[in-house]
Amino acid sequence: MTKHKVKTEKWYSSSVIMGWRKDQSMATRRRLALRSHKGDKLATARALQSLANVTQDKQTKKLARADALYFYALHNKGK
């Protein structure tokens, strides 16, 4: 019997390119993310939460989640 390699499919794709990278400063990451979503704090938070949920890199998960929580807090503060 031969073993077949299973190719994993990338099922997550974002419709918005944020320019967000884990090696950027916190202010830069947040500015780029918010600008790419045209100032919509909730959309920015959801996009970063999606990134945090699908990534396998621990540092990316931690930073994306922190940024998402920041934007959720800003959104809730504005209500």
N, C-alpha and C. Protein backbone atom coordinates (compact mmCIF):
# COMPACT_ATOMS: atom_id res chain seq x y z
N MET A 1 0.84 -1.19 0.00
CA MET A 1 0.00 0.00 0.00
C MET A 1 0.88 1.24 0.00
N THR A 2 0.45 2.21 -0.72
CA THR A 2 1.18 3.47 -0.75
C THR A 2 0.41 4.51 0.04
N LYS A 3 1.16 5.36 0.69
CA LYS A 3 0.53 6.43 1.45
C LYS A 3 0.42 7.66 0.58
N HIS A 4 -0.70 8.26 0.62
CA HIS A 4 -0.91 9.49 -0.14
C HIS A 4 -0.75 10.68 0.80
N LYS A 5 -0.03 11.64 0.31
CA LYS A 5 0.10 12.86 1.10
C LYS A 5 -1.15 13.70 0.91
N VAL A 6 -1.66 14.17 2.00
CA VAL A 6 -2.85 15.00 1.95
C VAL A 6 -2.40 16.46 1.95
N LYS A 7 -2.81 17.17 0.94
CA LYS A 7 -2.47 18.58 0.86
C LYS A 7 -3.50 19.36 1.66
N THR A 8 -3.02 20.13 2.61
CA THR A 8 -3.96 20.93 3.39
C THR A 8 -4.36 22.15 2.59
N GLU A 9 -5.62 22.44 2.66
CA GLU A 9 -6.15 23.58 1.94
C GLU A 9 -6.27 24.76 2.89
N LYS A 10 -5.91 25.91 2.40
CA LYS A 10 -6.10 27.12 3.18
C LYS A 10 -7.51 27.60 2.95
N TRP A 11 -8.34 27.52 3.97
CA TRP A 11 -9.74 27.86 3.83
C TRP A 11 -10.04 29.28 4.26
N TYR A 12 -9.11 29.93 4.93
CA TYR A 12 -9.35 31.31 5.37
C TYR A 12 -8.71 32.27 4.39
N SER A 13 -9.47 33.23 3.96
CA SER A 13 -8.90 34.30 3.15
C SER A 13 -9.62 35.59 3.51
N SER A 14 -8.87 36.61 3.71
CA SER A 14 -9.43 37.90 4.06
C SER A 14 -9.71 38.69 2.79
N SER A 15 -10.79 39.41 2.77
CA SER A 15 -11.10 40.23 1.60
C SER A 15 -10.40 41.58 1.66
N VAL A 16 -9.81 41.90 2.81
CA VAL A 16 -9.13 43.17 3.00
C VAL A 16 -7.67 42.90 3.34
N ILE A 17 -6.79 43.56 2.64
CA ILE A 17 -5.36 43.44 2.96
C ILE A 17 -5.01 44.55 3.94
N MET A 18 -4.62 44.14 5.16
CA MET A 18 -4.38 45.12 6.21
C MET A 18 -2.96 45.66 6.24
N GLY A 19 -1.99 44.85 5.88
CA GLY A 19 -0.61 45.27 6.04
C GLY A 19 -0.11 45.01 7.45
N TRP A 20 -0.91 44.32 8.25
CA TRP A 20 -0.60 44.01 9.65
C TRP A 20 0.48 42.94 9.70
N ARG A 21 1.56 43.20 10.46
CA ARG A 21 2.62 42.20 10.64
C ARG A 21 3.02 42.17 12.11
N LYS A 22 3.38 41.01 12.58
CA LYS A 22 3.69 40.86 14.00
C LYS A 22 4.97 41.58 14.41
N ASP A 23 5.84 41.91 13.46
CA ASP A 23 7.10 42.56 13.81
C ASP A 23 6.99 44.09 13.84
N GLN A 24 5.80 44.63 13.60
CA GLN A 24 5.58 46.07 13.65
C GLN A 24 5.27 46.50 15.08
N SER A 25 5.41 47.79 15.32
CA SER A 25 5.05 48.30 16.64
C SER A 25 3.54 48.24 16.81
N MET A 26 3.11 48.29 18.05
CA MET A 26 1.68 48.20 18.35
C MET A 26 0.92 49.33 17.66
N ALA A 27 1.43 50.53 17.72
CA ALA A 27 0.75 51.68 17.12
C ALA A 27 0.65 51.53 15.60
N THR A 28 1.70 51.06 14.98
CA THR A 28 1.70 50.87 13.53
C THR A 28 0.71 49.79 13.11
N ARG A 29 0.72 48.65 13.82
CA ARG A 29 -0.22 47.56 13.51
C ARG A 29 -1.66 48.05 13.58
N ARG A 30 -1.98 48.75 14.65
CA ARG A 30 -3.35 49.20 14.86
C ARG A 30 -3.75 50.28 13.87
N ARG A 31 -2.83 51.18 13.55
CA ARG A 31 -3.13 52.23 12.58
C ARG A 31 -3.42 51.64 11.20
N LEU A 32 -2.57 50.70 10.77
CA LEU A 32 -2.75 50.07 9.46
C LEU A 32 -4.05 49.27 9.40
N ALA A 33 -4.33 48.54 10.47
CA ALA A 33 -5.55 47.72 10.49
C ALA A 33 -6.79 48.59 10.42
N LEU A 34 -6.82 49.65 11.20
CA LEU A 34 -7.99 50.54 11.22
C LEU A 34 -8.14 51.27 9.89
N ARG A 35 -7.04 51.72 9.32
CA ARG A 35 -7.09 52.43 8.04
C ARG A 35 -7.62 51.51 6.93
N SER A 36 -7.21 50.26 6.96
CA SER A 36 -7.64 49.34 5.90
C SER A 36 -9.14 49.03 5.97
N HIS A 37 -9.73 49.21 7.14
CA HIS A 37 -11.18 48.99 7.30
C HIS A 37 -11.94 50.31 7.35
N LYS A 38 -11.32 51.37 6.85
CA LYS A 38 -11.94 52.69 6.69
C LYS A 38 -12.51 53.23 8.01
N GLY A 39 -11.79 52.99 9.10
CA GLY A 39 -12.20 53.54 10.39
C GLY A 39 -13.25 52.75 11.14
N ASP A 40 -13.69 51.64 10.60
CA ASP A 40 -14.72 50.82 11.25
C ASP A 40 -14.06 49.94 12.31
N LYS A 41 -14.22 50.32 13.57
CA LYS A 41 -13.56 49.62 14.67
C LYS A 41 -14.06 48.19 14.83
N LEU A 42 -15.35 47.98 14.64
CA LEU A 42 -15.91 46.63 14.79
C LEU A 42 -15.41 45.70 13.69
N ALA A 43 -15.37 46.18 12.47
CA ALA A 43 -14.86 45.35 11.36
C ALA A 43 -13.38 45.04 11.55
N THR A 44 -12.64 46.00 12.06
CA THR A 44 -11.21 45.78 12.33
C THR A 44 -11.04 44.72 13.41
N ALA A 45 -11.83 44.83 14.47
CA ALA A 45 -11.75 43.86 15.57
C ALA A 45 -12.09 42.46 15.08
N ARG A 46 -13.12 42.35 14.27
CA ARG A 46 -13.54 41.04 13.76
C ARG A 46 -12.47 40.43 12.85
N ALA A 47 -11.85 41.25 12.03
CA ALA A 47 -10.81 40.75 11.13
C ALA A 47 -9.60 40.25 11.92
N LEU A 48 -9.21 40.99 12.94
CA LEU A 48 -8.07 40.58 13.76
C LEU A 48 -8.40 39.35 14.59
N GLN A 49 -9.64 39.25 15.06
CA GLN A 49 -10.06 38.05 15.79
C GLN A 49 -10.03 36.83 14.88
N SER A 50 -10.44 37.01 13.64
CA SER A 50 -10.39 35.91 12.66
C SER A 50 -8.96 35.47 12.44
N LEU A 51 -8.06 36.43 12.31
CA LEU A 51 -6.64 36.11 12.15
C LEU A 51 -6.13 35.33 13.36
N ALA A 52 -6.48 35.79 14.54
CA ALA A 52 -6.03 35.11 15.77
C ALA A 52 -6.58 33.69 15.85
N ASN A 53 -7.79 33.48 15.34
CA ASN A 53 -8.41 32.16 15.42
C ASN A 53 -7.80 31.15 14.45
N VAL A 54 -7.30 31.59 13.32
CA VAL A 54 -6.83 30.64 12.31
C VAL A 54 -5.32 30.44 12.27
N THR A 55 -4.58 31.35 12.87
CA THR A 55 -3.12 31.24 12.80
C THR A 55 -2.60 30.13 13.70
N GLN A 56 -1.47 29.57 13.32
CA GLN A 56 -0.82 28.56 14.15
C GLN A 56 0.40 29.12 14.86
N ASP A 57 0.76 30.36 14.54
CA ASP A 57 1.90 31.01 15.15
C ASP A 57 1.47 31.65 16.47
N LYS A 58 2.14 31.29 17.55
CA LYS A 58 1.73 31.75 18.88
C LYS A 58 1.84 33.26 19.04
N GLN A 59 2.91 33.83 18.52
CA GLN A 59 3.10 35.28 18.67
C GLN A 59 2.03 36.05 17.87
N THR A 60 1.73 35.60 16.68
CA THR A 60 0.69 36.23 15.87
C THR A 60 -0.65 36.12 16.56
N LYS A 61 -0.95 34.96 17.11
CA LYS A 61 -2.21 34.76 17.82
C LYS A 61 -2.33 35.73 18.99
N LYS A 62 -1.27 35.86 19.75
CA LYS A 62 -1.27 36.73 20.93
C LYS A 62 -1.45 38.20 20.54
N LEU A 63 -0.71 38.65 19.54
CA LEU A 63 -0.77 40.05 19.14
C LEU A 63 -2.09 40.39 18.45
N ALA A 64 -2.56 39.51 17.58
CA ALA A 64 -3.82 39.76 16.88
C ALA A 64 -4.99 39.79 17.86
N ARG A 65 -4.96 38.89 18.84
CA ARG A 65 -6.02 38.87 19.85
C ARG A 65 -6.00 40.15 20.70
N ALA A 66 -4.81 40.59 21.08
CA ALA A 66 -4.68 41.82 21.87
C ALA A 66 -5.20 43.03 21.08
N ASP A 67 -4.85 43.09 19.81
CA ASP A 67 -5.32 44.19 18.98
C ASP A 67 -6.83 44.11 18.78
N ALA A 68 -7.36 42.91 18.60
CA ALA A 68 -8.80 42.74 18.44
C ALA A 68 -9.54 43.20 19.70
N LEU A 69 -9.05 42.82 20.86
CA LEU A 69 -9.69 43.24 22.11
C LEU A 69 -9.64 44.76 22.27
N TYR A 70 -8.55 45.37 21.84
CA TYR A 70 -8.41 46.82 21.87
C TYR A 70 -9.51 47.47 21.03
N PHE A 71 -9.72 46.98 19.81
CA PHE A 71 -10.73 47.57 18.93
C PHE A 71 -12.15 47.25 19.40
N TYR A 72 -12.37 46.08 20.00
CA TYR A 72 -13.69 45.79 20.58
C TYR A 72 -13.99 46.79 21.70
N ALA A 73 -12.99 47.06 22.53
CA ALA A 73 -13.17 48.01 23.64
C ALA A 73 -13.47 49.41 23.11
N LEU A 74 -12.75 49.83 22.08
CA LEU A 74 -13.00 51.15 21.47
C LEU A 74 -14.41 51.22 20.89
N HIS A 75 -14.83 50.15 20.25
CA HIS A 75 -16.16 50.12 19.66
C HIS A 75 -17.23 50.21 20.74
N ASN A 76 -17.07 49.46 21.81
CA ASN A 76 -18.06 49.46 22.90
C ASN A 76 -18.07 50.78 23.65
N LYS A 77 -16.92 51.43 23.74
CA LYS A 77 -16.82 52.71 24.42
C LYS A 77 -17.60 53.80 23.66
N GLY A 78 -17.64 53.67 22.35
CA GLY A 78 -18.31 54.66 21.52
C GLY A 78 -19.82 54.54 21.50
N LYS A 79 -20.37 53.45 22.04
CA LYS A 79 -21.84 53.26 22.02
C LYS A 79 -22.52 54.10 23.05
